[in-house]
């Protein structure tokens, strides 16, 4: 480099100055490259932070899905309990009909025991009244279970809607992230070419 400038007509002092300027330009170029690398590292750190936040949100969504699954299992158990109550009510009605038939046959068998049978019938009527009241209570409990089932279904629906909204938000966020990366790399390559 020194001989080139000297041949052109520069003095040794002038060529030394050009040599110093050349070194300065090289150092400036290296500093610019270092700044670009630092900027890229900063952007990578920013992306890592955003990825960590996305992972946290995904974990929260997974917990919500787990709770929704537990609620669905509770609804299934409540439905099974309601079916068991209905079967028990039907069995009680069959037993009641069988008891009445047995009482009628006993009355027909012996007229001497009519007073005792009447007393037994009164007691049975009292028992039947209590059973009817119990059946009414069971019916109310069944209605309450049905209401609880509807509430659980509404909660499940709300959780599902929240999950879908979160999924859409995640998709939009990923698209925005890809768009920003495309802009960054297009600018980077255009700067590199220029």
Protein backbone atom coordinates (compact mmCIF):
# COMPACT_ATOMS: atom_id res chain seq x y z
CA UNK A 1 0.00 0.00 0.00
CA UNK A 2 2.86 2.40 0.86
CA UNK A 3 4.74 1.66 -2.41
CA UNK A 4 1.58 2.12 -4.44
CA UNK A 5 1.00 5.64 -3.19
CA UNK A 6 4.68 6.45 -3.49
CA UNK A 7 4.68 5.37 -7.09
CA UNK A 8 1.70 7.55 -7.78
CA UNK A 9 3.62 10.55 -6.55
CA UNK A 10 3.09 10.78 -2.81
CA UNK A 11 5.97 11.33 -0.45
CA UNK A 12 6.92 8.87 2.24
CA UNK A 13 5.21 11.11 4.84
CA UNK A 14 2.03 11.23 2.81
CA UNK A 15 2.05 7.48 2.30
CA UNK A 16 2.43 6.98 6.05
CA UNK A 17 -0.60 9.18 6.62
CA UNK A 18 -2.59 7.15 4.11
CA UNK A 19 -1.45 3.98 5.84
CA UNK A 20 -2.68 5.33 9.20
CA UNK A 21 -6.01 6.30 7.65
CA UNK A 22 -6.29 2.82 6.15
CA UNK A 23 -5.78 1.23 9.57
CA UNK A 24 -8.35 3.62 11.08
CA UNK A 25 -10.88 2.64 8.41
CA UNK A 26 -10.22 -1.06 9.11
CA UNK A 27 -10.74 -0.53 12.85
CA UNK A 28 -13.94 1.41 12.20
CA UNK A 29 -15.19 -1.43 9.99
CA UNK A 30 -14.38 -3.97 12.72
CA UNK A 31 -16.19 -1.80 15.31
CA UNK A 32 -19.23 -1.61 13.02
CA UNK A 33 -19.25 -5.39 12.68
CA UNK A 34 -18.98 -5.75 16.47
CA UNK A 35 -21.95 -3.39 16.91
CA UNK A 36 -23.97 -5.46 14.43
CA UNK A 37 -23.16 -8.66 16.30
CA UNK A 38 -24.12 -7.01 19.62
CA UNK A 39 -27.44 -5.90 18.08
CA UNK A 40 -28.10 -9.46 16.85
CA UNK A 41 -27.31 -10.84 20.33
CA UNK A 42 -29.72 -8.33 21.90
CA UNK A 43 -32.45 -9.38 19.48
CA UNK A 44 -31.80 -13.06 20.29
CA UNK A 45 -32.10 -12.29 24.04
CA UNK A 46 -35.38 -10.45 23.38
CA UNK A 47 -36.72 -13.41 21.40
CA UNK A 48 -35.68 -15.77 24.21
CA UNK A 49 -37.65 -13.66 26.72
CA UNK A 50 -40.71 -13.72 24.47
CA UNK A 51 -40.38 -17.52 24.08
CA UNK A 52 -40.23 -17.87 27.89
CA UNK A 53 -43.41 -15.83 28.27
CA UNK A 54 -45.12 -17.97 25.60
CA UNK A 55 -44.07 -21.15 27.48
CA UNK A 56 -45.55 -19.74 30.70
CA UNK A 57 -48.83 -18.93 28.97
CA UNK A 58 -48.93 -22.41 27.43
CA UNK A 59 -48.38 -23.94 30.89
CA UNK A 60 -51.29 -21.91 32.29
CA UNK A 61 -53.50 -23.04 29.39
CA UNK A 62 -52.52 -26.68 30.08
CA UNK A 63 -53.56 -26.25 33.73
CA UNK A 64 -56.91 -24.80 32.63
CA UNK A 65 -57.43 -27.78 30.28
CA UNK A 66 -56.61 -30.17 33.17
CA UNK A 67 -59.20 -28.45 35.39
CA UNK A 68 -61.74 -28.64 32.58
CA UNK A 69 -61.08 -32.39 32.26
CA UNK A 70 -61.66 -32.82 36.01
CA UNK A 71 -64.93 -30.86 35.73
CA UNK A 72 -66.02 -33.13 32.88
CA UNK A 73 -65.31 -36.20 35.03
CA UNK A 74 -67.37 -34.66 37.86
CA UNK A 75 -70.26 -34.11 35.42
CA UNK A 76 -70.03 -37.77 34.34
CA UNK A 77 -70.15 -38.95 37.98
CA UNK A 78 -73.14 -36.70 38.71
CA UNK A 79 -74.96 -38.16 35.71
CA UNK A 80 -74.29 -41.69 36.98
CA UNK A 81 -75.60 -40.71 40.44
CA UNK A 82 -78.78 -39.33 38.84
CA UNK A 83 -79.33 -42.61 36.97
CA UNK A 84 -78.81 -44.58 40.21
CA UNK A 85 -81.42 -42.41 41.98
CA UNK A 86 -83.92 -43.06 39.19
CA UNK A 87 -83.36 -46.82 39.39
CA UNK A 88 -83.77 -46.72 43.18
CA UNK A 89 -87.05 -44.82 42.80
CA UNK A 90 -88.35 -47.40 40.30
CA UNK A 91 -87.37 -50.27 42.62
CA UNK A 92 -89.15 -48.55 45.54
CA UNK A 93 -92.33 -48.23 43.48
CA UNK A 94 -92.20 -51.95 42.56
CA UNK A 95 -91.71 -52.92 46.21
CA UNK A 96 -94.65 -50.68 47.17
CA UNK A 97 -96.94 -52.40 44.62
CA UNK A 98 -95.81 -55.86 45.78
CA UNK A 99 -96.46 -54.90 49.41
CA UNK A 100 -99.99 -53.74 48.60
CA UNK A 101 -100.74 -56.99 46.74
CA UNK A 102 -99.47 -59.04 49.70
CA UNK A 103 -101.61 -57.04 52.11
CA UNK A 104 -104.73 -57.61 50.01
CA UNK A 105 -104.12 -61.35 49.88
CA UNK A 106 -103.65 -61.47 53.64
CA UNK A 107 -106.93 -59.61 54.21
CA UNK A 108 -108.79 -62.03 51.95
CA UNK A 109 -107.31 -65.02 53.81
CA UNK A 110 -108.62 -64.17 57.30
CA UNK A 111 -111.50 -61.88 58.25
CA UNK A 112 -110.66 -62.37 61.95
CA UNK A 113 -107.48 -60.42 61.52
CA UNK A 114 -109.19 -57.43 59.90
CA UNK A 115 -108.56 -55.12 62.83
CA UNK A 116 -104.92 -56.05 62.95
CA UNK A 117 -104.66 -55.68 59.20
CA UNK A 118 -106.35 -52.28 59.37
CA UNK A 119 -103.83 -51.21 61.98
CA UNK A 120 -101.05 -52.51 59.82
CA UNK A 121 -102.52 -50.71 56.84
CA UNK A 122 -102.56 -47.46 58.78
CA UNK A 123 -98.95 -47.98 59.75
CA UNK A 124 -98.13 -48.85 56.16
CA UNK A 125 -99.91 -45.71 54.98
CA UNK A 126 -97.80 -43.69 57.39
CA UNK A 127 -94.69 -45.42 56.06
CA UNK A 128 -95.88 -44.82 52.50
CA UNK A 129 -96.39 -41.14 53.31
CA UNK A 130 -92.86 -40.95 54.66
CA UNK A 131 -91.59 -42.80 51.61
CA UNK A 132 -93.46 -40.35 49.39
CA UNK A 133 -91.85 -37.46 51.24
CA UNK A 134 -88.46 -39.12 50.84
CA UNK A 135 -89.14 -39.60 47.14
CA UNK A 136 -90.04 -35.89 46.90
CA UNK A 137 -86.73 -35.02 48.60
CA UNK A 138 -84.90 -37.37 46.21
CA UNK A 139 -86.62 -35.67 43.28
CA UNK A 140 -85.49 -32.26 44.53
CA UNK A 141 -81.96 -33.57 44.98
CA UNK A 142 -82.08 -34.92 41.43
CA UNK A 143 -83.19 -31.51 40.17
CA UNK A 144 -80.34 -29.87 42.10
CA UNK A 145 -77.90 -32.36 40.59
CA UNK A 146 -79.26 -31.49 37.15
CA UNK A 147 -78.72 -27.79 37.87
CA UNK A 148 -75.17 -28.56 39.06
CA UNK A 149 -74.60 -30.54 35.86
CA UNK A 150 -75.75 -27.59 33.75
CA UNK A 151 -73.47 -25.25 35.71
CA UNK A 152 -70.51 -27.57 35.18
CA UNK A 153 -71.30 -27.74 31.46
CA UNK A 154 -71.39 -23.93 31.29
CA UNK A 155 -68.03 -23.76 33.08
CA UNK A 156 -66.63 -26.31 30.66
CA UNK A 157 -67.90 -24.24 27.75
CA UNK A 158 -66.30 -21.09 29.18
CA UNK A 159 -62.98 -22.88 29.68
CA UNK A 160 -63.13 -24.16 26.11
CA UNK A 161 -63.80 -20.65 24.78
CA UNK A 162 -60.88 -19.27 26.81
CA UNK A 163 -58.64 -21.99 25.42
CA UNK A 164 -59.72 -21.20 21.84
CA UNK A 165 -59.09 -17.48 22.38
CA UNK A 166 -55.65 -18.23 23.76
CA UNK A 167 -54.91 -20.47 20.79
CA UNK A 168 -55.89 -17.68 18.34
CA UNK A 169 -53.75 -15.20 20.27
CA UNK A 170 -50.76 -17.59 20.10
CA UNK A 171 -51.20 -18.02 16.34
CA UNK A 172 -51.38 -14.25 15.82
CA UNK A 173 -48.31 -13.78 17.98
CA UNK A 174 -46.36 -16.38 15.97
CA UNK A 175 -47.36 -14.76 12.67
CA UNK A 176 -46.29 -11.36 13.98
CA UNK A 177 -43.00 -12.83 15.15
CA UNK A 178 -42.31 -14.39 11.74
CA UNK A 179 -43.15 -11.10 10.06
CA UNK A 180 -40.69 -9.20 12.27
CA UNK A 181 -37.99 -11.78 11.58
CA UNK A 182 -38.55 -11.49 7.84
CA UNK A 183 -38.23 -7.69 8.02
CA UNK A 184 -35.09 -7.97 10.12
CA UNK A 185 -33.36 -10.44 7.79
CA UNK A 186 -34.39 -8.50 4.68
CA UNK A 187 -32.86 -5.34 6.17
CA UNK A 188 -29.80 -7.25 7.31
CA UNK A 189 -29.18 -8.74 3.86
CA UNK A 190 -29.83 -5.42 2.14
CA UNK A 191 -27.28 -3.75 4.43
CA UNK A 192 -24.86 -6.57 3.81
CA UNK A 193 -25.22 -6.30 0.02
CA UNK A 194 -24.84 -2.54 0.09
